[in-house]
């Protein structure tokens, strides 16, 4: 490895990241340094190699013909190093770290943990409840469950459940709802952070353009659900949020119509990491629990 003695490793990392990502800014973001630092490292490495690697263009960096041959080998080398370091940091596979949104953890996951323990007593779960899109490669997270379109960069996404929206309310309020139009007379409980709109459901029942009466606005879906349970009004919910309360009869789905949101729940895992038996077991358990919930709710 004598050829490496005259080249600084940080410079090669900067060159590889810039070549793979196509810009100084993207490379700086990945490496956690400034754009100026990446630029200086590239200049130093070019001097050490005696080669020009990039041409600066308005749309970013353009690899020279030499760099086009050099960069793939450099990327392959760093991937091998990354895998070697990863194997040295092999985690205890009896502990599974999961990243989920707080509302999913509170309203779906925690109610079922005893069943997971009964089925897999040798696995301990570590739950990281956060709305942040954590970097699965650089953190200790083994698997995440996210809601979206499934197009997040840097992860392997696997469809779990297409999200559907529908009204939920207390049994007392449900008794007042004979037909969909009656819902217009009930105060709507609004999640101020949600991208779901009542229009998507109203359209499904022939009430497009009608307005709901708004009483309370919250910044958390879990609080909205508590308000619905308390009889404060009607909420536009989705399967994993409302399932437990519906099964427990604390909430009622007054109408069977469900609206597709265009979003879905996905498993997300690091693409460069092998799937352990623990991760596989957790994924299968979640799928089984989801299927059982949908059966009990009579969701086709």
C-alpha atoms as a PDB file:
ATOM      1  CA  UNK A   1       0.000   0.000   0.000  1.00  0.00           C
ATOM      2  CA  UNK A   2       2.974   2.322  -0.514  1.00  0.00           C
ATOM      3  CA  UNK A   3       1.035   4.315  -3.126  1.00  0.00           C
ATOM      4  CA  UNK A   4      -1.241   5.616  -0.355  1.00  0.00           C
ATOM      5  CA  UNK A   5       1.614   7.025   1.697  1.00  0.00           C
ATOM      6  CA  UNK A   6       1.819  10.205  -0.351  1.00  0.00           C
ATOM      7  CA  UNK A   7      -1.930  10.864  -0.496  1.00  0.00           C
ATOM      8  CA  UNK A   8      -4.049  12.211   2.349  1.00  0.00           C
ATOM      9  CA  UNK A   9      -7.088   9.966   3.018  1.00  0.00           C
ATOM     10  CA  UNK A  10      -9.386  12.939   3.731  1.00  0.00           C
ATOM     11  CA  UNK A  11      -8.511  14.325   0.323  1.00  0.00           C
ATOM     12  CA  UNK A  12      -9.470  11.071  -1.366  1.00  0.00           C
ATOM     13  CA  UNK A  13     -12.761  11.051   0.586  1.00  0.00           C
ATOM     14  CA  UNK A  14     -13.512  14.579  -0.634  1.00  0.00           C
ATOM     15  CA  UNK A  15     -12.689  13.629  -4.237  1.00  0.00           C
ATOM     16  CA  UNK A  16     -14.845  10.490  -4.082  1.00  0.00           C
ATOM     17  CA  UNK A  17     -17.839  12.253  -2.536  1.00  0.00           C
ATOM     18  CA  UNK A  18     -17.656  15.183  -4.955  1.00  0.00           C
ATOM     19  CA  UNK A  19     -17.353  12.871  -7.952  1.00  0.00           C
ATOM     20  CA  UNK A  20     -20.215  10.634  -6.844  1.00  0.00           C
ATOM     21  CA  UNK A  21     -22.560  13.463  -5.834  1.00  0.00           C
ATOM     22  CA  UNK A  22     -21.618  15.967  -8.551  1.00  0.00           C
ATOM     23  CA  UNK A  23     -21.245  19.084  -6.411  1.00  0.00           C
ATOM     24  CA  UNK A  24     -19.123  20.579  -3.652  1.00  0.00           C
ATOM     25  CA  UNK A  25     -22.206  21.418  -1.611  1.00  0.00           C
ATOM     26  CA  UNK A  26     -23.532  17.850  -1.630  1.00  0.00           C
ATOM     27  CA  UNK A  27     -20.092  16.471  -0.772  1.00  0.00           C
ATOM     28  CA  UNK A  28     -19.717  18.944   2.092  1.00  0.00           C
ATOM     29  CA  UNK A  29     -23.125  17.963   3.464  1.00  0.00           C
ATOM     30  CA  UNK A  30     -22.296  14.254   3.383  1.00  0.00           C
ATOM     31  CA  UNK A  31     -18.862  14.700   4.960  1.00  0.00           C
ATOM     32  CA  UNK A  32     -20.030  17.210   7.552  1.00  0.00           C
ATOM     33  CA  UNK A  33     -17.554  19.945   6.569  1.00  0.00           C
ATOM     34  CA  UNK A  34     -17.680  23.265   4.742  1.00  0.00           C
ATOM     35  CA  UNK A  35     -17.717  23.683   0.967  1.00  0.00           C
ATOM     36  CA  UNK A  36     -14.393  25.491   1.225  1.00  0.00           C
ATOM     37  CA  UNK A  37     -12.833  22.560   3.064  1.00  0.00           C
ATOM     38  CA  UNK A  38     -13.943  20.124   0.349  1.00  0.00           C
ATOM     39  CA  UNK A  39     -12.587  22.421  -2.358  1.00  0.00           C
ATOM     40  CA  UNK A  40      -9.200  22.710  -0.622  1.00  0.00           C
ATOM     41  CA  UNK A  41      -8.969  18.945  -0.131  1.00  0.00           C
ATOM     42  CA  UNK A  42      -9.671  18.357  -3.823  1.00  0.00           C
ATOM     43  CA  UNK A  43      -7.022  20.897  -4.869  1.00  0.00           C
ATOM     44  CA  UNK A  44      -4.427  19.289  -2.563  1.00  0.00           C
ATOM     45  CA  UNK A  45      -5.252  15.813  -3.859  1.00  0.00           C
ATOM     46  CA  UNK A  46      -4.993  16.941  -7.485  1.00  0.00           C
ATOM     47  CA  UNK A  47      -1.501  18.303  -6.705  1.00  0.00           C
ATOM     48  CA  UNK A  48      -0.486  15.093  -4.947  1.00  0.00           C
ATOM     49  CA  UNK A  49      -1.734  12.969  -7.854  1.00  0.00           C
ATOM     50  CA  UNK A  50      -0.377  15.319 -10.492  1.00  0.00           C
ATOM     51  CA  UNK A  51      -3.735  15.124 -12.253  1.00  0.00           C
ATOM     52  CA  UNK A  52      -6.677  17.442 -12.800  1.00  0.00           C
ATOM     53  CA  UNK A  53      -9.781  15.610 -11.632  1.00  0.00           C
ATOM     54  CA  UNK A  54     -12.606  18.098 -12.116  1.00  0.00           C
ATOM     55  CA  UNK A  55     -13.566  20.961 -14.329  1.00  0.00           C
ATOM     56  CA  UNK A  56     -15.715  23.605 -12.633  1.00  0.00           C
ATOM     57  CA  UNK A  57     -18.927  24.160 -14.623  1.00  0.00           C
ATOM     58  CA  UNK A  58     -22.024  26.307 -13.889  1.00  0.00           C
ATOM     59  CA  UNK A  59     -24.037  23.180 -13.078  1.00  0.00           C
ATOM     60  CA  UNK A  60     -21.411  21.617 -10.823  1.00  0.00           C
ATOM     61  CA  UNK A  61     -18.279  19.554 -11.136  1.00  0.00           C
ATOM     62  CA  UNK A  62     -17.473  17.707 -14.353  1.00  0.00           C
ATOM     63  CA  UNK A  63     -15.051  14.795 -14.072  1.00  0.00           C
ATOM     64  CA  UNK A  64     -12.111  14.788 -16.481  1.00  0.00           C
ATOM     65  CA  UNK A  65     -11.588  11.695 -18.661  1.00  0.00           C
ATOM     66  CA  UNK A  66      -8.966  10.454 -16.193  1.00  0.00           C
ATOM     67  CA  UNK A  67     -11.315  10.977 -13.229  1.00  0.00           C
ATOM     68  CA  UNK A  68     -14.097   9.084 -15.003  1.00  0.00           C
ATOM     69  CA  UNK A  69     -11.848   6.007 -14.870  1.00  0.00           C
ATOM     70  CA  UNK A  70     -10.385   6.776 -11.449  1.00  0.00           C
ATOM     71  CA  UNK A  71     -13.527   7.610  -9.455  1.00  0.00           C
ATOM     72  CA  UNK A  72     -15.392   4.241  -9.737  1.00  0.00           C
ATOM     73  CA  UNK A  73     -12.317   2.437  -8.370  1.00  0.00           C
ATOM     74  CA  UNK A  74     -12.075   4.989  -5.568  1.00  0.00           C
ATOM     75  CA  UNK A  75     -15.750   4.507  -4.681  1.00  0.00           C
ATOM     76  CA  UNK A  76     -15.292   0.742  -4.670  1.00  0.00           C
ATOM     77  CA  UNK A  77     -12.342   1.086  -2.335  1.00  0.00           C
ATOM     78  CA  UNK A  78     -14.247   3.215   0.158  1.00  0.00           C
ATOM     79  CA  UNK A  79     -17.216   0.834   0.048  1.00  0.00           C
ATOM     80  CA  UNK A  80     -14.860  -2.004   0.985  1.00  0.00           C
ATOM     81  CA  UNK A  81     -13.452   0.071   3.851  1.00  0.00           C
ATOM     82  CA  UNK A  82     -16.976   0.925   5.031  1.00  0.00           C
ATOM     83  CA  UNK A  83     -17.978  -2.735   5.084  1.00  0.00           C
ATOM     84  CA  UNK A  84     -14.810  -3.639   6.973  1.00  0.00           C
ATOM     85  CA  UNK A  85     -15.481  -1.007   9.638  1.00  0.00           C
ATOM     86  CA  UNK A  86     -19.114  -2.120   9.822  1.00  0.00           C
ATOM     87  CA  UNK A  87     -18.107  -5.713  10.463  1.00  0.00           C
ATOM     88  CA  UNK A  88     -15.823  -4.551  13.275  1.00  0.00           C
ATOM     89  CA  UNK A  89     -18.758  -2.768  14.869  1.00  0.00           C
ATOM     90  CA  UNK A  90     -21.108  -5.721  14.657  1.00  0.00           C
ATOM     91  CA  UNK A  91     -24.060  -5.023  16.897  1.00  0.00           C
ATOM     92  CA  UNK A  92     -25.766  -7.269  19.384  1.00  0.00           C
ATOM     93  CA  UNK A  93     -28.512  -8.756  17.215  1.00  0.00           C
ATOM     94  CA  UNK A  94     -30.697  -9.452  20.237  1.00  0.00           C
ATOM     95  CA  UNK A  95     -31.310  -5.675  20.454  1.00  0.00           C
ATOM     96  CA  UNK A  96     -33.355  -4.098  17.682  1.00  0.00           C
ATOM     97  CA  UNK A  97     -33.375  -0.304  17.339  1.00  0.00           C
ATOM     98  CA  UNK A  98     -36.455   1.056  15.578  1.00  0.00           C
ATOM     99  CA  UNK A  99     -37.100   4.589  14.336  1.00  0.00           C
ATOM    100  CA  UNK A 100     -40.809   5.519  14.195  1.00  0.00           C
ATOM    101  CA  UNK A 101     -42.931   8.631  14.455  1.00  0.00           C
ATOM    102  CA  UNK A 102     -44.116   9.346  18.022  1.00  0.00           C
ATOM    103  CA  UNK A 103     -47.773   9.029  17.003  1.00  0.00           C
ATOM    104  CA  UNK A 104     -47.145   5.572  15.486  1.00  0.00           C
ATOM    105  CA  UNK A 105     -45.261   4.481  18.595  1.00  0.00           C
ATOM    106  CA  UNK A 106     -47.933   5.770  20.989  1.00  0.00           C
ATOM    107  CA  UNK A 107     -51.084   4.823  19.088  1.00  0.00           C
ATOM    108  CA  UNK A 108     -50.111   1.574  17.390  1.00  0.00           C
ATOM    109  CA  UNK A 109     -46.852   0.029  18.545  1.00  0.00           C
ATOM    110  CA  UNK A 110     -46.879   0.197  22.350  1.00  0.00           C
ATOM    111  CA  UNK A 111     -50.285  -1.493  22.623  1.00  0.00           C
ATOM    112  CA  UNK A 112     -48.868  -4.573  20.907  1.00  0.00           C
ATOM    113  CA  UNK A 113     -45.401  -4.916  22.429  1.00  0.00           C
ATOM    114  CA  UNK A 114     -46.474  -7.628  24.841  1.00  0.00           C
ATOM    115  CA  UNK A 115     -47.449  -9.818  21.874  1.00  0.00           C
ATOM    116  CA  UNK A 116     -44.067  -9.226  20.249  1.00  0.00           C
ATOM    117  CA  UNK A 117     -42.324 -10.208  23.493  1.00  0.00           C
ATOM    118  CA  UNK A 118     -44.409 -13.366  23.764  1.00  0.00           C
ATOM    119  CA  UNK A 119     -43.452 -14.379  20.235  1.00  0.00           C
ATOM    120  CA  UNK A 120     -39.811 -13.242  20.394  1.00  0.00           C
ATOM    121  CA  UNK A 121     -38.695 -13.286  24.048  1.00  0.00           C
ATOM    122  CA  UNK A 122     -35.027 -13.191  23.019  1.00  0.00           C
ATOM    123  CA  UNK A 123     -35.337  -9.808  21.231  1.00  0.00           C
ATOM    124  CA  UNK A 124     -35.261  -6.494  23.049  1.00  0.00           C
ATOM    125  CA  UNK A 125     -36.647  -3.446  21.266  1.00  0.00           C
ATOM    126  CA  UNK A 126     -35.137   0.017  21.520  1.00  0.00           C
ATOM    127  CA  UNK A 127     -37.657   2.532  20.180  1.00  0.00           C
ATOM    128  CA  UNK A 128     -36.474   5.889  18.850  1.00  0.00           C
ATOM    129  CA  UNK A 129     -39.673   7.945  18.507  1.00  0.00           C
ATOM    130  CA  UNK A 130     -38.904  10.919  16.299  1.00  0.00           C
ATOM    131  CA  UNK A 131     -40.315  12.849  13.357  1.00  0.00           C
ATOM    132  CA  UNK A 132     -36.801  13.420  11.995  1.00  0.00           C
ATOM    133  CA  UNK A 133     -35.640  11.459   8.953  1.00  0.00           C
ATOM    134  CA  UNK A 134     -32.697   9.872  10.737  1.00  0.00           C
ATOM    135  CA  UNK A 135     -29.670   8.744   8.761  1.00  0.00           C
ATOM    136  CA  UNK A 136     -29.903   4.965   9.035  1.00  0.00           C
ATOM    137  CA  UNK A 137     -26.346   4.468   7.810  1.00  0.00           C
ATOM    138  CA  UNK A 138     -24.623   6.624  10.424  1.00  0.00           C
ATOM    139  CA  UNK A 139     -26.885   5.950  13.416  1.00  0.00           C
ATOM    140  CA  UNK A 140     -27.527   2.732  15.298  1.00  0.00           C
ATOM    141  CA  UNK A 141     -31.035   2.379  13.847  1.00  0.00           C
ATOM    142  CA  UNK A 142     -31.749  -1.056  12.343  1.00  0.00           C
ATOM    143  CA  UNK A 143     -35.137  -0.330  10.767  1.00  0.00           C
ATOM    144  CA  UNK A 144     -37.611   2.521  10.501  1.00  0.00           C
ATOM    145  CA  UNK A 145     -41.281   2.919   9.668  1.00  0.00           C
ATOM    146  CA  UNK A 146     -42.093   6.077   7.735  1.00  0.00           C
ATOM    147  CA  UNK A 147     -45.121   7.560   6.023  1.00  0.00           C
ATOM    148  CA  UNK A 148     -44.693   9.136   2.614  1.00  0.00           C
ATOM    149  CA  UNK A 149     -44.256   8.353  -1.053  1.00  0.00           C
ATOM    150  CA  UNK A 150     -41.414   5.899  -0.454  1.00  0.00           C
ATOM    151  CA  UNK A 151     -38.824   7.929  -2.354  1.00  0.00           C
ATOM    152  CA  UNK A 152     -36.441   8.879   0.455  1.00  0.00           C
ATOM    153  CA  UNK A 153     -32.758   8.965  -0.572  1.00  0.00           C
ATOM    154  CA  UNK A 154     -30.243   6.716   1.116  1.00  0.00           C
ATOM    155  CA  UNK A 155     -32.661   4.022   2.286  1.00  0.00           C
ATOM    156  CA  UNK A 156     -34.265   0.842   1.022  1.00  0.00           C
ATOM    157  CA  UNK A 157     -38.061   1.346   1.219  1.00  0.00           C
ATOM    158  CA  UNK A 158     -40.511  -1.558   1.376  1.00  0.00           C
ATOM    159  CA  UNK A 159     -44.285  -0.962   1.223  1.00  0.00           C
ATOM    160  CA  UNK A 160     -46.165  -1.872   4.381  1.00  0.00           C
ATOM    161  CA  UNK A 161     -49.638  -0.294   4.186  1.00  0.00           C
ATOM    162  CA  UNK A 162     -51.269   2.214   1.831  1.00  0.00           C
ATOM    163  CA  UNK A 163     -52.677   5.021   3.970  1.00  0.00           C
ATOM    164  CA  UNK A 164     -56.404   5.752   3.855  1.00  0.00           C
ATOM    165  CA  UNK A 165     -58.301   8.567   5.608  1.00  0.00           C
ATOM    166  CA  UNK A 166     -61.757   8.383   7.203  1.00  0.00           C
ATOM    167  CA  UNK A 167     -63.757  10.161   9.944  1.00  0.00           C
ATOM    168  CA  UNK A 168     -63.746   8.911  13.532  1.00  0.00           C
ATOM    169  CA  UNK A 169     -65.694  10.175  16.524  1.00  0.00           C
ATOM    170  CA  UNK A 170     -67.119   9.127  19.871  1.00  0.00           C
ATOM    171  CA  UNK A 171     -70.127   6.757  19.944  1.00  0.00           C
ATOM    172  CA  UNK A 172     -72.332   9.623  21.205  1.00  0.00           C
ATOM    173  CA  UNK A 173     -71.493  11.825  18.223  1.00  0.00           C
ATOM    174  CA  UNK A 174     -71.800   8.889  15.819  1.00  0.00           C
ATOM    175  CA  UNK A 175     -75.416   8.490  16.945  1.00  0.00           C
ATOM    176  CA  UNK A 176     -76.135  11.930  15.439  1.00  0.00           C
ATOM    177  CA  UNK A 177     -74.760  10.975  12.012  1.00  0.00           C
ATOM    178  CA  UNK A 178     -77.333   9.303   9.790  1.00  0.00           C
ATOM    179  CA  UNK A 179     -75.891  10.294   6.409  1.00  0.00           C
ATOM    180  CA  UNK A 180     -72.577  11.831   5.278  1.00  0.00           C
ATOM    181  CA  UNK A 181     -74.022  15.367   5.020  1.00  0.00           C
ATOM    182  CA  UNK A 182     -74.726  15.322   8.756  1.00  0.00           C
ATOM    183  CA  UNK A 183     -70.990  15.476   9.402  1.00  0.00           C
ATOM    184  CA  UNK A 184     -70.997  19.111   8.236  1.00  0.00           C
ATOM    185  CA  UNK A 185     -72.841  20.022  11.441  1.00  0.00           C
ATOM    186  CA  UNK A 186     -70.214  18.469  13.712  1.00  0.00           C
ATOM    187  CA  UNK A 187     -67.081  20.409  14.764  1.00  0.00           C
ATOM    188  CA  UNK A 188     -63.956  19.157  13.013  1.00  0.00           C
ATOM    189  CA  UNK A 189     -60.873  18.435  15.090  1.00  0.00           C
ATOM    190  CA  UNK A 190     -57.936  19.659  13.017  1.00  0.00           C
ATOM    191  CA  UNK A 191     -54.305  18.560  13.081  1.00  0.00           C
ATOM    192  CA  UNK A 192     -52.451  21.720  12.098  1.00  0.00           C
ATOM    193  CA  UNK A 193     -49.375  19.748  10.977  1.00  0.00           C
ATOM    194  CA  UNK A 194     -51.219  17.226   8.814  1.00  0.00           C
ATOM    195  CA  UNK A 195     -51.198  17.308   5.027  1.00  0.00           C
ATOM    196  CA  UNK A 196     -54.538  15.475   4.920  1.00  0.00           C
ATOM    197  CA  UNK A 197     -57.583  17.559   4.062  1.00  0.00           C
ATOM    198  CA  UNK A 198     -61.265  16.904   4.648  1.00  0.00           C
ATOM    199  CA  UNK A 199     -61.868  17.596   0.960  1.00  0.00           C
ATOM    200  CA  UNK A 200     -60.349  14.233  -0.032  1.00  0.00           C
ATOM    201  CA  UNK A 201     -63.001  12.410   2.011  1.00  0.00           C
ATOM    202  CA  UNK A 202     -65.893  14.794   1.281  1.00  0.00           C
ATOM    203  CA  UNK A 203     -65.254  14.299  -2.424  1.00  0.00           C
ATOM    204  CA  UNK A 204     -65.702  10.543  -1.983  1.00  0.00           C
ATOM    205  CA  UNK A 205     -69.205  11.025  -0.530  1.00  0.00           C
ATOM    206  CA  UNK A 206     -70.393  13.636  -3.035  1.00  0.00           C
ATOM    207  CA  UNK A 207     -69.793  16.679  -0.811  1.00  0.00           C
ATOM    208  CA  UNK A 208     -66.855  18.226  -2.654  1.00  0.00           C
ATOM    209  CA  UNK A 209     -66.439  21.917  -1.898  1.00  0.00           C
ATOM    210  CA  UNK A 210     -68.418  21.808   1.354  1.00  0.00           C
ATOM    211  CA  UNK A 211     -66.756  23.245   4.457  1.00  0.00           C
ATOM    212  CA  UNK A 212     -66.336  21.643   7.851  1.00  0.00           C
ATOM    213  CA  UNK A 213     -66.948  23.619  11.040  1.00  0.00           C
ATOM    214  CA  UNK A 214     -63.613  23.990  12.849  1.00  0.00           C
ATOM    215  CA  UNK A 215     -63.537  24.210  16.629  1.00  0.00           C
ATOM    216  CA  UNK A 216     -60.104  23.162  17.848  1.00  0.00           C
ATOM    217  CA  UNK A 217     -56.726  22.971  16.099  1.00  0.00           C
ATOM    218  CA  UNK A 218     -53.878  20.915  17.554  1.00  0.00           C
ATOM    219  CA  UNK A 219     -50.288  20.437  16.462  1.00  0.00           C
ATOM    220  CA  UNK A 220     -50.227  16.712  17.145  1.00  0.00           C
ATOM    221  CA  UNK A 221     -52.327  13.878  15.729  1.00  0.00           C
ATOM    222  CA  UNK A 222     -52.296  12.001  19.026  1.00  0.00           C
ATOM    223  CA  UNK A 223     -53.871  14.992  20.790  1.00  0.00           C
ATOM    224  CA  UNK A 224     -56.494  15.156  18.051  1.00  0.00           C
ATOM    225  CA  UNK A 225     -57.372  11.534  18.670  1.00  0.00           C
ATOM    226  CA  UNK A 226     -57.719  12.166  22.409  1.00  0.00           C
ATOM    227  CA  UNK A 227     -60.030  15.086  21.640  1.00  0.00           C
ATOM    228  CA  UNK A 228     -62.161  12.836  19.423  1.00  0.00           C
ATOM    229  CA  UNK A 229     -62.341  10.195  22.173  1.00  0.00           C
ATOM    230  CA  UNK A 230     -63.421  12.936  24.600  1.00  0.00           C
ATOM    231  CA  UNK A 231     -66.323  13.856  22.307  1.00  0.00           C
ATOM    232  CA  UNK A 232     -64.937  17.184  21.121  1.00  0.00           C
ATOM    233  CA  UNK A 233     -65.835  16.553  17.489  1.00  0.00           C
ATOM    234  CA  UNK A 234     -64.943  14.447  14.475  1.00  0.00           C
ATOM    235  CA  UNK A 235     -61.423  13.773  13.243  1.00  0.00           C
ATOM    236  CA  UNK A 236     -60.007  12.670   9.901  1.00  0.00           C
ATOM    237  CA  UNK A 237     -57.865   9.692  10.923  1.00  0.00           C
ATOM    238  CA  UNK A 238     -56.031   6.781   9.308  1.00  0.00           C
ATOM    239  CA  UNK A 239     -55.627   3.075  10.004  1.00  0.00           C
ATOM    240  CA  UNK A 240     -52.596   2.888  12.300  1.00  0.00           C
ATOM    241  CA  UNK A 241     -53.609   5.998  14.230  1.00  0.00           C
ATOM    242  CA  UNK A 242     -57.173   4.956  15.054  1.00  0.00           C
ATOM    243  CA  UNK A 243     -57.055   1.139  14.966  1.00  0.00           C
ATOM    244  CA  UNK A 244     -56.579   0.489  18.680  1.00  0.00           C
ATOM    245  CA  UNK A 245     -59.265   2.989  19.761  1.00  0.00           C
ATOM    246  CA  UNK A 246     -61.691   1.594  17.194  1.00  0.00           C
ATOM    247  CA  UNK A 247     -61.078  -1.985  18.308  1.00  0.00           C
ATOM    248  CA  UNK A 248     -61.544  -0.916  21.933  1.00  0.00           C
ATOM    249  CA  UNK A 249     -64.843   0.806  20.946  1.00  0.00           C
ATOM    250  CA  UNK A 250     -63.642   4.136  22.283  1.00  0.00           C
ATOM    251  CA  UNK A 251     -64.086   5.548  18.798  1.00  0.00           C
ATOM    252  CA  UNK A 252     -66.517   4.783  16.005  1.00  0.00           C
ATOM    253  CA  UNK A 253     -66.167   4.990  12.246  1.00  0.00           C
ATOM    254  CA  UNK A 254     -69.597   6.472  11.383  1.00  0.00           C
ATOM    255  CA  UNK A 255     -69.335   5.836   7.630  1.00  0.00           C
ATOM    256  CA  UNK A 256     -67.535   3.030   5.765  1.00  0.00           C
ATOM    257  CA  UNK A 257     -66.082   5.265   3.026  1.00  0.00           C
ATOM    258  CA  UNK A 258     -62.289   5.594   3.085  1.00  0.00           C
ATOM    259  CA  UNK A 259     -60.248   7.982   0.922  1.00  0.00           C
ATOM    260  CA  UNK A 260     -56.849   7.107  -0.500  1.00  0.00           C
ATOM    261  CA  UNK A 261     -54.259   9.687   0.549  1.00  0.00           C
ATOM    262  CA  UNK A 262     -51.546   8.849  -1.983  1.00  0.00           C
ATOM    263  CA  UNK A 263     -49.196   8.089   0.917  1.00  0.00           C
ATOM    264  CA  UNK A 264     -48.236   4.827   2.582  1.00  0.00           C
ATOM    265  CA  UNK A 265     -46.374   3.312   5.487  1.00  0.00           C
ATOM    266  CA  UNK A 266     -42.999   1.885   4.535  1.00  0.00           C
ATOM    267  CA  UNK A 267     -40.280  -0.116   6.218  1.00  0.00           C
ATOM    268  CA  UNK A 268     -36.961   1.640   5.638  1.00  0.00           C
ATOM    269  CA  UNK A 269     -33.576  -0.023   6.138  1.00  0.00           C
ATOM    270  CA  UNK A 270     -29.951   0.894   5.357  1.00  0.00           C
ATOM    271  CA  UNK A 271     -29.242  -0.303   1.800  1.00  0.00           C
ATOM    272  CA  UNK A 272     -25.646  -1.311   2.525  1.00  0.00           C
ATOM    273  CA  UNK A 273     -26.434  -3.398   5.606  1.00  0.00           C
ATOM    274  CA  UNK A 274     -27.481  -7.024   5.465  1.00  0.00           C
ATOM    275  CA  UNK A 275     -30.915  -7.804   6.882  1.00  0.00           C
ATOM    276  CA  UNK A 276     -30.554  -9.685  10.152  1.00  0.00           C
ATOM    277  CA  UNK A 277     -32.888 -12.383  11.412  1.00  0.00           C
ATOM    278  CA  UNK A 278     -34.034  -9.897  14.054  1.00  0.00           C
ATOM    279  CA  UNK A 279     -35.086  -7.330  11.470  1.00  0.00           C
ATOM    280  CA  UNK A 280     -36.824 -10.016   9.406  1.00  0.00           C
ATOM    281  CA  UNK A 281     -38.715 -11.232  12.475  1.00  0.00           C
ATOM    282  CA  UNK A 282     -39.840  -7.709  13.379  1.00  0.00           C
ATOM    283  CA  UNK A 283     -41.027  -6.970   9.846  1.00  0.00           C
ATOM    284  CA  UNK A 284     -43.062 -10.174   9.698  1.00  0.00           C
ATOM    285  CA  UNK A 285     -44.578  -9.502  13.117  1.00  0.00           C
ATOM    286  CA  UNK A 286     -45.635  -5.973  12.096  1.00  0.00           C
ATOM    287  CA  UNK A 287     -47.176  -7.292   8.873  1.00  0.00           C
ATOM    288  CA  UNK A 288     -49.100  -9.937  10.816  1.00  0.00           C
ATOM    289  CA  UNK A 289     -50.340  -7.374  13.338  1.00  0.00           C
ATOM    290  CA  UNK A 290     -51.390  -4.962  10.585  1.00  0.00           C
ATOM    291  CA  UNK A 291     -53.293  -7.728   8.803  1.00  0.00           C
ATOM    292  CA  UNK A 292     -55.040  -8.758  12.029  1.00  0.00           C
ATOM    293  CA  UNK A 293     -56.001  -5.138  12.779  1.00  0.00           C
ATOM    294  CA  UNK A 294     -57.433  -4.663   9.308  1.00  0.00           C
ATOM    295  CA  UNK A 295     -59.407  -7.903   9.655  1.00  0.00           C
ATOM    296  CA  UNK A 296     -60.886  -6.855  13.005  1.00  0.00           C
ATOM    297  CA  UNK A 297     -61.801  -3.446  11.580  1.00  0.00           C
ATOM    298  CA  UNK A 298     -63.363  -5.111   8.527  1.00  0.00           C
ATOM    299  CA  UNK A 299     -61.110  -3.125   6.186  1.00  0.00           C
ATOM    300  CA  UNK A 300     -61.010  -4.885   2.859  1.00  0.00           C
END
